[in-house]
Amino acid sequence: MGISVITLFEIVCLSEKQRLEAETLPRMLQTLQNPDDVLVEMPMDSEVIAHLQQIPRDQVPNLPDRVIAAEASQYGVTLITRDRKFKRRIWIGLW
């Protein structure tokens, strides 16, 4: 199971806004450093950027969401999200 690097950025922002507990990021980073854990960091590279162009901006205007969708597309994995609007866009999207 992977987590997008941009999700880690979002965790920082949400923690700063006090919408997530301050310990969320340190716990996540500790988990990612554990080689026995199933959660791994998904790298953002030029192939992900190429997939980003396939995610319609009019359907997914938020850049972090587009990056996450591009990574899921690149790695051929199921995207898991609590964002209801994003879920709807993923299911009706053409990519």
PDB file of N, CA and C in Angstrom:
ATOM      1  N   MET A   1       0.846  -1.157   0.000  1.00  0.00           N
ATOM      2  CA  MET A   1       0.000   0.000   0.000  1.00  0.00           C
ATOM      3  C   MET A   1       0.901   1.233   0.000  1.00  0.00           C
ATOM      4  N   GLY A   2       0.562   2.212  -0.807  1.00  0.00           N
ATOM      5  CA  GLY A   2       1.401   3.396  -0.933  1.00  0.00           C
ATOM      6  C   GLY A   2       0.699   4.672  -0.523  1.00  0.00           C
ATOM      7  N   ILE A   3       1.510   5.654  -0.176  1.00  0.00           N
ATOM      8  CA  ILE A   3       0.997   6.983   0.144  1.00  0.00           C
ATOM      9  C   ILE A   3       1.757   7.985  -0.708  1.00  0.00           C
ATOM     10  N   SER A   4       1.026   8.879  -1.317  1.00  0.00           N
ATOM     11  CA  SER A   4       1.626   9.892  -2.171  1.00  0.00           C
ATOM     12  C   SER A   4       2.424  10.890  -1.334  1.00  0.00           C
ATOM     13  N   VAL A   5       3.539  11.340  -1.868  1.00  0.00           N
ATOM     14  CA  VAL A   5       4.344  12.365  -1.209  1.00  0.00           C
ATOM     15  C   VAL A   5       3.507  13.621  -0.993  1.00  0.00           C
ATOM     16  N   ILE A   6       2.661  13.936  -1.960  1.00  0.00           N
ATOM     17  CA  ILE A   6       1.846  15.147  -1.833  1.00  0.00           C
ATOM     18  C   ILE A   6       0.847  15.017  -0.685  1.00  0.00           C
ATOM     19  N   THR A   7       0.459  13.803  -0.347  1.00  0.00           N
ATOM     20  CA  THR A   7      -0.410  13.582   0.810  1.00  0.00           C
ATOM     21  C   THR A   7       0.315  13.977   2.093  1.00  0.00           C
ATOM     22  N   LEU A   8       1.620  13.719   2.137  1.00  0.00           N
ATOM     23  CA  LEU A   8       2.403  14.122   3.306  1.00  0.00           C
ATOM     24  C   LEU A   8       2.425  15.646   3.429  1.00  0.00           C
ATOM     25  N   PHE A   9       2.541  16.334   2.295  1.00  0.00           N
ATOM     26  CA  PHE A   9       2.461  17.800   2.311  1.00  0.00           C
ATOM     27  C   PHE A   9       1.108  18.252   2.851  1.00  0.00           C
ATOM     28  N   GLU A  10       0.060  17.589   2.402  1.00  0.00           N
ATOM     29  CA  GLU A  10      -1.279  17.960   2.856  1.00  0.00           C
ATOM     30  C   GLU A  10      -1.456  17.708   4.352  1.00  0.00           C
ATOM     31  N   ILE A  11      -0.839  16.656   4.867  1.00  0.00           N
ATOM     32  CA  ILE A  11      -0.886  16.383   6.304  1.00  0.00           C
ATOM     33  C   ILE A  11      -0.260  17.543   7.081  1.00  0.00           C
ATOM     34  N   VAL A  12       0.859  18.063   6.577  1.00  0.00           N
ATOM     35  CA  VAL A  12       1.500  19.218   7.220  1.00  0.00           C
ATOM     36  C   VAL A  12       0.529  20.400   7.254  1.00  0.00           C
ATOM     37  N   CYS A  13      -0.069  20.703   6.110  1.00  0.00           N
ATOM     38  CA  CYS A  13      -0.991  21.850   6.025  1.00  0.00           C
ATOM     39  C   CYS A  13      -2.190  21.675   6.949  1.00  0.00           C
ATOM     40  N   LEU A  14      -2.771  20.486   6.969  1.00  0.00           N
ATOM     41  CA  LEU A  14      -3.938  20.237   7.816  1.00  0.00           C
ATOM     42  C   LEU A  14      -3.568  20.265   9.299  1.00  0.00           C
ATOM     43  N   SER A  15      -2.376  19.827   9.632  1.00  0.00           N
ATOM     44  CA  SER A  15      -1.910  19.903  11.021  1.00  0.00           C
ATOM     45  C   SER A  15      -1.721  21.356  11.438  1.00  0.00           C
ATOM     46  N   GLU A  16      -1.163  22.153  10.537  1.00  0.00           N
ATOM     47  CA  GLU A  16      -0.970  23.578  10.829  1.00  0.00           C
ATOM     48  C   GLU A  16      -2.303  24.294  11.044  1.00  0.00           C
ATOM     49  N   LYS A  17      -3.337  23.849  10.333  1.00  0.00           N
ATOM     50  CA  LYS A  17      -4.675  24.439  10.479  1.00  0.00           C
ATOM     51  C   LYS A  17      -5.442  23.796  11.631  1.00  0.00           C
ATOM     52  N   GLN A  18      -4.788  22.858  12.321  1.00  0.00           N
ATOM     53  CA  GLN A  18      -5.367  22.119  13.446  1.00  0.00           C
ATOM     54  C   GLN A  18      -6.587  21.300  13.044  1.00  0.00           C
ATOM     55  N   ARG A  19      -6.572  20.835  11.802  1.00  0.00           N
ATOM     56  CA  ARG A  19      -7.630  19.933  11.325  1.00  0.00           C
ATOM     57  C   ARG A  19      -7.199  18.482  11.480  1.00  0.00           C
ATOM     58  N   LEU A  20      -5.909  18.268  11.789  1.00  0.00           N
ATOM     59  CA  LEU A  20      -5.358  16.951  12.130  1.00  0.00           C
ATOM     60  C   LEU A  20      -4.531  17.119  13.391  1.00  0.00           C
ATOM     61  N   GLU A  21      -4.403  16.047  14.140  1.00  0.00           N
ATOM     62  CA  GLU A  21      -3.571  16.088  15.338  1.00  0.00           C
ATOM     63  C   GLU A  21      -2.126  16.366  14.953  1.00  0.00           C
ATOM     64  N   ALA A  22      -1.418  17.085  15.800  1.00  0.00           N
ATOM     65  CA  ALA A  22      -0.022  17.438  15.536  1.00  0.00           C
ATOM     66  C   ALA A  22       0.860  16.205  15.381  1.00  0.00           C
ATOM     67  N   GLU A  23       0.484  15.107  15.986  1.00  0.00           N
ATOM     68  CA  GLU A  23       1.292  13.887  15.936  1.00  0.00           C
ATOM     69  C   GLU A  23       1.069  13.047  14.683  1.00  0.00           C
ATOM     70  N   THR A  24       0.150  13.458  13.826  1.00  0.00           N
ATOM     71  CA  THR A  24      -0.157  12.674  12.627  1.00  0.00           C
ATOM     72  C   THR A  24       1.064  12.518  11.724  1.00  0.00           C
ATOM     73  N   LEU A  25       1.735  13.608  11.418  1.00  0.00           N
ATOM     74  CA  LEU A  25       2.893  13.535  10.524  1.00  0.00           C
ATOM     75  C   LEU A  25       4.035  12.735  11.143  1.00  0.00           C
ATOM     76  N   PRO A  26       4.445  13.002  12.391  1.00  0.00           N
ATOM     77  CA  PRO A  26       5.521  12.184  12.962  1.00  0.00           C
ATOM     78  C   PRO A  26       5.197  10.688  12.976  1.00  0.00           C
ATOM     79  N   ARG A  27       3.935  10.341  13.265  1.00  0.00           N
ATOM     80  CA  ARG A  27       3.556   8.914  13.242  1.00  0.00           C
ATOM     81  C   ARG A  27       3.645   8.350  11.829  1.00  0.00           C
ATOM     82  N   MET A  28       3.198   9.131  10.846  1.00  0.00           N
ATOM     83  CA  MET A  28       3.255   8.672   9.458  1.00  0.00           C
ATOM     84  C   MET A  28       4.696   8.480   9.010  1.00  0.00           C
ATOM     85  N   LEU A  29       5.554   9.447   9.324  1.00  0.00           N
ATOM     86  CA  LEU A  29       6.970   9.338   8.940  1.00  0.00           C
ATOM     87  C   LEU A  29       7.640   8.156   9.616  1.00  0.00           C
ATOM     88  N   GLN A  30       7.293   7.911  10.867  1.00  0.00           N
ATOM     89  CA  GLN A  30       7.841   6.756  11.575  1.00  0.00           C
ATOM     90  C   GLN A  30       7.395   5.451  10.914  1.00  0.00           C
ATOM     91  N   THR A  31       6.139   5.409  10.515  1.00  0.00           N
ATOM     92  CA  THR A  31       5.617   4.228   9.817  1.00  0.00           C
ATOM     93  C   THR A  31       6.365   4.002   8.506  1.00  0.00           C
ATOM     94  N   LEU A  32       6.597   5.081   7.759  1.00  0.00           N
ATOM     95  CA  LEU A  32       7.284   4.958   6.473  1.00  0.00           C
ATOM     96  C   LEU A  32       8.742   4.523   6.623  1.00  0.00           C
ATOM     97  N   GLN A  33       9.342   4.798   7.774  1.00  0.00           N
ATOM     98  CA  GLN A  33      10.734   4.398   8.004  1.00  0.00           C
ATOM     99  C   GLN A  33      10.861   2.948   8.439  1.00  0.00           C
ATOM    100  N   ASN A  34       9.749   2.320   8.787  1.00  0.00           N
ATOM    101  CA  ASN A  34       9.763   0.932   9.241  1.00  0.00           C
ATOM    102  C   ASN A  34       9.748   0.004   8.028  1.00  0.00           C
ATOM    103  N   PRO A  35      10.848  -0.715   7.771  1.00  0.00           N
ATOM    104  CA  PRO A  35      10.899  -1.584   6.579  1.00  0.00           C
ATOM    105  C   PRO A  35       9.928  -2.763   6.633  1.00  0.00           C
ATOM    106  N   ASP A  36       9.402  -3.064   7.820  1.00  0.00           N
ATOM    107  CA  ASP A  36       8.453  -4.176   7.958  1.00  0.00           C
ATOM    108  C   ASP A  36       7.005  -3.744   7.745  1.00  0.00           C
ATOM    109  N   ASP A  37       6.765  -2.453   7.612  1.00  0.00           N
ATOM    110  CA  ASP A  37       5.404  -1.955   7.430  1.00  0.00           C
ATOM    111  C   ASP A  37       4.994  -2.087   5.965  1.00  0.00           C
ATOM    112  N   VAL A  38       3.703  -2.253   5.727  1.00  0.00           N
ATOM    113  CA  VAL A  38       3.209  -2.400   4.348  1.00  0.00           C
ATOM    114  C   VAL A  38       3.042  -1.062   3.643  1.00  0.00           C
ATOM    115  N   LEU A  39       3.055   0.035   4.389  1.00  0.00           N
ATOM    116  CA  LEU A  39       2.870   1.356   3.806  1.00  0.00           C
ATOM    117  C   LEU A  39       4.201   1.881   3.292  1.00  0.00           C
ATOM    118  N   VAL A  40       4.226   2.276   2.013  1.00  0.00           N
ATOM    119  CA  VAL A  40       5.443   2.818   1.414  1.00  0.00           C
ATOM    120  C   VAL A  40       5.141   4.168   0.771  1.00  0.00           C
ATOM    121  N   GLU A  41       6.160   4.983   0.657  1.00  0.00           N
ATOM    122  CA  GLU A  41       6.050   6.285   0.019  1.00  0.00           C
ATOM    123  C   GLU A  41       6.108   6.099  -1.492  1.00  0.00           C
ATOM    124  N   MET A  42       5.141   6.671  -2.201  1.00  0.00           N
ATOM    125  CA  MET A  42       5.125   6.573  -3.660  1.00  0.00           C
ATOM    126  C   MET A  42       5.871   7.779  -4.230  1.00  0.00           C
ATOM    127  N   PRO A  43       6.934   7.537  -4.972  1.00  0.00           N
ATOM    128  CA  PRO A  43       7.711   8.657  -5.504  1.00  0.00           C
ATOM    129  C   PRO A  43       6.959   9.409  -6.605  1.00  0.00           C
ATOM    130  N   MET A  44       7.242  10.693  -6.676  1.00  0.00           N
ATOM    131  CA  MET A  44       6.686  11.520  -7.741  1.00  0.00           C
ATOM    132  C   MET A  44       7.824  11.735  -8.737  1.00  0.00           C
ATOM    133  N   ASP A  45       7.656  11.239  -9.955  1.00  0.00           N
ATOM    134  CA  ASP A  45       8.716  11.342 -10.950  1.00  0.00           C
ATOM    135  C   ASP A  45       8.130  11.774 -12.294  1.00  0.00           C
ATOM    136  N   SER A  46       8.975  11.777 -13.308  1.00  0.00           N
ATOM    137  CA  SER A  46       8.532  12.257 -14.623  1.00  0.00           C
ATOM    138  C   SER A  46       7.420  11.388 -15.215  1.00  0.00           C
ATOM    139  N   GLU A  47       7.387  10.124 -14.884  1.00  0.00           N
ATOM    140  CA  GLU A  47       6.304   9.267 -15.394  1.00  0.00           C
ATOM    141  C   GLU A  47       4.966   9.652 -14.767  1.00  0.00           C
ATOM    142  N   VAL A  48       4.998  10.009 -13.493  1.00  0.00           N
ATOM    143  CA  VAL A  48       3.769  10.476 -12.837  1.00  0.00           C
ATOM    144  C   VAL A  48       3.316  11.775 -13.488  1.00  0.00           C
ATOM    145  N   ILE A  49       4.265  12.654 -13.781  1.00  0.00           N
ATOM    146  CA  ILE A  49       3.933  13.925 -14.427  1.00  0.00           C
ATOM    147  C   ILE A  49       3.297  13.669 -15.798  1.00  0.00           C
ATOM    148  N   ALA A  50       3.797  12.683 -16.525  1.00  0.00           N
ATOM    149  CA  ALA A  50       3.198  12.340 -17.820  1.00  0.00           C
ATOM    150  C   ALA A  50       1.750  11.880 -17.628  1.00  0.00           C
ATOM    151  N   HIS A  51       1.474  11.112 -16.577  1.00  0.00           N
ATOM    152  CA  HIS A  51       0.107  10.659 -16.297  1.00  0.00           C
ATOM    153  C   HIS A  51      -0.768  11.818 -15.839  1.00  0.00           C
ATOM    154  N   LEU A  52      -0.158  12.824 -15.218  1.00  0.00           N
ATOM    155  CA  LEU A  52      -0.906  13.994 -14.766  1.00  0.00           C
ATOM    156  C   LEU A  52      -1.629  14.661 -15.929  1.00  0.00           C
ATOM    157  N   GLN A  53      -1.015  14.650 -17.090  1.00  0.00           N
ATOM    158  CA  GLN A  53      -1.626  15.262 -18.272  1.00  0.00           C
ATOM    159  C   GLN A  53      -2.894  14.540 -18.708  1.00  0.00           C
ATOM    160  N   GLN A  54      -3.081  13.294 -18.264  1.00  0.00           N
ATOM    161  CA  GLN A  54      -4.272  12.521 -18.625  1.00  0.00           C
ATOM    162  C   GLN A  54      -5.443  12.785 -17.681  1.00  0.00           C
ATOM    163  N   ILE A  55      -5.190  13.483 -16.573  1.00  0.00           N
ATOM    164  CA  ILE A  55      -6.241  13.768 -15.599  1.00  0.00           C
ATOM    165  C   ILE A  55      -6.862  15.112 -15.972  1.00  0.00           C
ATOM    166  N   PRO A  56      -8.101  15.110 -16.424  1.00  0.00           N
ATOM    167  CA  PRO A  56      -8.722  16.352 -16.897  1.00  0.00           C
ATOM    168  C   PRO A  56      -8.821  17.409 -15.796  1.00  0.00           C
ATOM    169  N   ARG A  57      -8.235  18.557 -16.047  1.00  0.00           N
ATOM    170  CA  ARG A  57      -8.224  19.631 -15.058  1.00  0.00           C
ATOM    171  C   ARG A  57      -9.640  20.125 -14.762  1.00  0.00           C
ATOM    172  N   ASP A  58     -10.527  20.087 -15.744  1.00  0.00           N
ATOM    173  CA  ASP A  58     -11.893  20.542 -15.493  1.00  0.00           C
ATOM    174  C   ASP A  58     -12.650  19.589 -14.571  1.00  0.00           C
ATOM    175  N   GLN A  59     -12.241  18.323 -14.521  1.00  0.00           N
ATOM    176  CA  GLN A  59     -12.871  17.349 -13.636  1.00  0.00           C
ATOM    177  C   GLN A  59     -12.195  17.297 -12.268  1.00  0.00           C
ATOM    178  N   VAL A  60     -10.884  17.518 -12.247  1.00  0.00           N
ATOM    179  CA  VAL A  60     -10.125  17.487 -10.999  1.00  0.00           C
ATOM    180  C   VAL A  60      -9.255  18.749 -10.967  1.00  0.00           C
ATOM    181  N   PRO A  61      -9.815  19.872 -10.536  1.00  0.00           N
ATOM    182  CA  PRO A  61      -9.076  21.139 -10.600  1.00  0.00           C
ATOM    183  C   PRO A  61      -7.990  21.291  -9.544  1.00  0.00           C
ATOM    184  N   ASN A  62      -8.103  20.588  -8.449  1.00  0.00           N
ATOM    185  CA  ASN A  62      -7.152  20.704  -7.356  1.00  0.00           C
ATOM    186  C   ASN A  62      -5.863  19.951  -7.695  1.00  0.00           C
ATOM    187  N   LEU A  63      -4.726  20.658  -7.746  1.00  0.00           N
ATOM    188  CA  LEU A  63      -3.464  20.031  -8.151  1.00  0.00           C
ATOM    189  C   LEU A  63      -3.077  18.834  -7.290  1.00  0.00           C
ATOM    190  N   PRO A  64      -3.131  18.921  -5.951  1.00  0.00           N
ATOM    191  CA  PRO A  64      -2.784  17.728  -5.168  1.00  0.00           C
ATOM    192  C   PRO A  64      -3.637  16.513  -5.536  1.00  0.00           C
ATOM    193  N   ASP A  65      -4.940  16.725  -5.755  1.00  0.00           N
ATOM    194  CA  ASP A  65      -5.810  15.614  -6.149  1.00  0.00           C
ATOM    195  C   ASP A  65      -5.412  15.059  -7.507  1.00  0.00           C
ATOM    196  N   ARG A  66      -5.036  15.930  -8.432  1.00  0.00           N
ATOM    197  CA  ARG A  66      -4.594  15.473  -9.758  1.00  0.00           C
ATOM    198  C   ARG A  66      -3.320  14.648  -9.648  1.00  0.00           C
ATOM    199  N   VAL A  67      -2.398  15.072  -8.794  1.00  0.00           N
ATOM    200  CA  VAL A  67      -1.148  14.322  -8.611  1.00  0.00           C
ATOM    201  C   VAL A  67      -1.446  12.945  -8.032  1.00  0.00           C
ATOM    202  N   ILE A  68      -2.309  12.896  -7.044  1.00  0.00           N
ATOM    203  CA  ILE A  68      -2.665  11.611  -6.428  1.00  0.00           C
ATOM    204  C   ILE A  68      -3.318  10.693  -7.462  1.00  0.00           C
ATOM    205  N   ALA A  69      -4.224  11.228  -8.265  1.00  0.00           N
ATOM    206  CA  ALA A  69      -4.866  10.429  -9.318  1.00  0.00           C
ATOM    207  C   ALA A  69      -3.841   9.973 -10.347  1.00  0.00           C
ATOM    208  N   ALA A  70      -2.898  10.836 -10.695  1.00  0.00           N
ATOM    209  CA  ALA A  70      -1.851  10.467 -11.658  1.00  0.00           C
ATOM    210  C   ALA A  70      -0.968   9.363 -11.112  1.00  0.00           C
ATOM    211  N   GLU A  71      -0.643   9.429  -9.824  1.00  0.00           N
ATOM    212  CA  GLU A  71       0.168   8.362  -9.226  1.00  0.00           C
ATOM    213  C   GLU A  71      -0.590   7.042  -9.225  1.00  0.00           C
ATOM    214  N   ALA A  72      -1.863   7.078  -8.883  1.00  0.00           N
ATOM    215  CA  ALA A  72      -2.665   5.853  -8.903  1.00  0.00           C
ATOM    216  C   ALA A  72      -2.703   5.278 -10.310  1.00  0.00           C
ATOM    217  N   SER A  73      -2.855   6.153 -11.299  1.00  0.00           N
ATOM    218  CA  SER A  73      -2.861   5.714 -12.695  1.00  0.00           C
ATOM    219  C   SER A  73      -1.508   5.126 -13.094  1.00  0.00           C
ATOM    220  N   GLN A  74      -0.438   5.836 -12.746  1.00  0.00           N
ATOM    221  CA  GLN A  74       0.920   5.388 -13.088  1.00  0.00           C
ATOM    222  C   GLN A  74       1.228   4.014 -12.510  1.00  0.00           C
ATOM    223  N   TYR A  75       0.896   3.817 -11.245  1.00  0.00           N
ATOM    224  CA  TYR A  75       1.251   2.575 -10.563  1.00  0.00           C
ATOM    225  C   TYR A  75       0.171   1.508 -10.661  1.00  0.00           C
ATOM    226  N   GLY A  76      -0.963   1.849 -11.289  1.00  0.00           N
ATOM    227  CA  GLY A  76      -2.033   0.877 -11.470  1.00  0.00           C
ATOM    228  C   GLY A  76      -2.624   0.383 -10.165  1.00  0.00           C
ATOM    229  N   VAL A  77      -2.804   1.316  -9.220  1.00  0.00           N
ATOM    230  CA  VAL A  77      -3.336   0.945  -7.908  1.00  0.00           C
ATOM    231  C   VAL A  77      -4.683   1.613  -7.669  1.00  0.00           C
ATOM    232  N   THR A  78      -5.436   1.065  -6.750  1.00  0.00           N
ATOM    233  CA  THR A  78      -6.716   1.628  -6.369  1.00  0.00           C
ATOM    234  C   THR A  78      -6.486   2.843  -5.484  1.00  0.00           C
ATOM    235  N   LEU A  79      -7.178   3.897  -5.780  1.00  0.00           N
ATOM    236  CA  LEU A  79      -7.077   5.119  -4.994  1.00  0.00           C
ATOM    237  C   LEU A  79      -8.093   5.064  -3.867  1.00  0.00           C
ATOM    238  N   ILE A  80      -7.626   5.294  -2.651  1.00  0.00           N
ATOM    239  CA  ILE A  80      -8.504   5.298  -1.484  1.00  0.00           C
ATOM    240  C   ILE A  80      -8.567   6.726  -0.959  1.00  0.00           C
ATOM    241  N   THR A  81      -9.788   7.244  -0.803  1.00  0.00           N
ATOM    242  CA  THR A  81      -9.957   8.613  -0.322  1.00  0.00           C
ATOM    243  C   THR A  81     -11.238   8.746   0.479  1.00  0.00           C
ATOM    244  N   ARG A  82     -11.247   9.727   1.392  1.00  0.00           N
ATOM    245  CA  ARG A  82     -12.470  10.055   2.131  1.00  0.00           C
ATOM    246  C   ARG A  82     -13.183  11.231   1.483  1.00  0.00           C
ATOM    247  N   ASP A  83     -12.581  11.850   0.508  1.00  0.00           N
ATOM    248  CA  ASP A  83     -13.131  13.030  -0.161  1.00  0.00           C
ATOM    249  C   ASP A  83     -14.255  12.596  -1.099  1.00  0.00           C
ATOM    250  N   ARG A  84     -15.492  12.893  -0.741  1.00  0.00           N
ATOM    251  CA  ARG A  84     -16.642  12.434  -1.530  1.00  0.00           C
ATOM    252  C   ARG A  84     -16.659  13.026  -2.941  1.00  0.00           C
ATOM    253  N   LYS A  85     -16.310  14.323  -3.065  1.00  0.00           N
ATOM    254  CA  LYS A  85     -16.285  14.946  -4.388  1.00  0.00           C
ATOM    255  C   LYS A  85     -15.237  14.285  -5.271  1.00  0.00           C
ATOM    256  N   PHE A  86     -14.088  14.021  -4.695  1.00  0.00           N
ATOM    257  CA  PHE A  86     -13.007  13.383  -5.443  1.00  0.00           C
ATOM    258  C   PHE A  86     -13.409  11.973  -5.858  1.00  0.00           C
ATOM    259  N   LYS A  87     -14.054  11.240  -4.976  1.00  0.00           N
ATOM    260  CA  LYS A  87     -14.516   9.884  -5.304  1.00  0.00           C
ATOM    261  C   LYS A  87     -15.434   9.915  -6.520  1.00  0.00           C
ATOM    262  N   ARG A  88     -16.389  10.850  -6.519  1.00  0.00           N
ATOM    263  CA  ARG A  88     -17.318  10.939  -7.649  1.00  0.00           C
ATOM    264  C   ARG A  88     -16.579  11.214  -8.944  1.00  0.00           C
ATOM    265  N   ARG A  89     -15.593  12.105  -8.890  1.00  0.00           N
ATOM    266  CA  ARG A  89     -14.825  12.439 -10.089  1.00  0.00           C
ATOM    267  C   ARG A  89     -14.036  11.232 -10.587  1.00  0.00           C
ATOM    268  N   ILE A  90     -13.485  10.467  -9.669  1.00  0.00           N
ATOM    269  CA  ILE A  90     -12.709   9.287 -10.056  1.00  0.00           C
ATOM    270  C   ILE A  90     -13.624   8.275 -10.750  1.00  0.00           C
ATOM    271  N   TRP A  91     -14.801   8.032 -10.208  1.00  0.00           N
ATOM    272  CA  TRP A  91     -15.690   7.022 -10.777  1.00  0.00           C
ATOM    273  C   TRP A  91     -16.244   7.442 -12.125  1.00  0.00           C
ATOM    274  N   ILE A  92     -16.476   8.745 -12.323  1.00  0.00           N
ATOM    275  CA  ILE A  92     -17.030   9.158 -13.611  1.00  0.00           C
ATOM    276  C   ILE A  92     -15.943   9.590 -14.596  1.00  0.00           C
ATOM    277  N   GLY A  93     -14.710   9.705 -14.095  1.00  0.00           N
ATOM    278  CA  GLY A  93     -13.612  10.145 -14.950  1.00  0.00           C
ATOM    279  C   GLY A  93     -13.297   9.158 -16.060  1.00  0.00           C
ATOM    280  N   LEU A  94     -12.682   9.650 -17.088  1.00  0.00           N
ATOM    281  CA  LEU A  94     -12.362   8.806 -18.246  1.00  0.00           C
ATOM    282  C   LEU A  94     -10.966   8.219 -18.196  1.00  0.00           C
ATOM    283  N   TRP A  95     -10.174   8.634 -17.256  1.00  0.00           N
ATOM    284  CA  TRP A  95      -8.806   8.155 -17.233  1.00  0.00           C
ATOM    285  C   TRP A  95      -8.761   6.829 -16.580  1.00  0.00           C
TER     286      TRP A  95
END
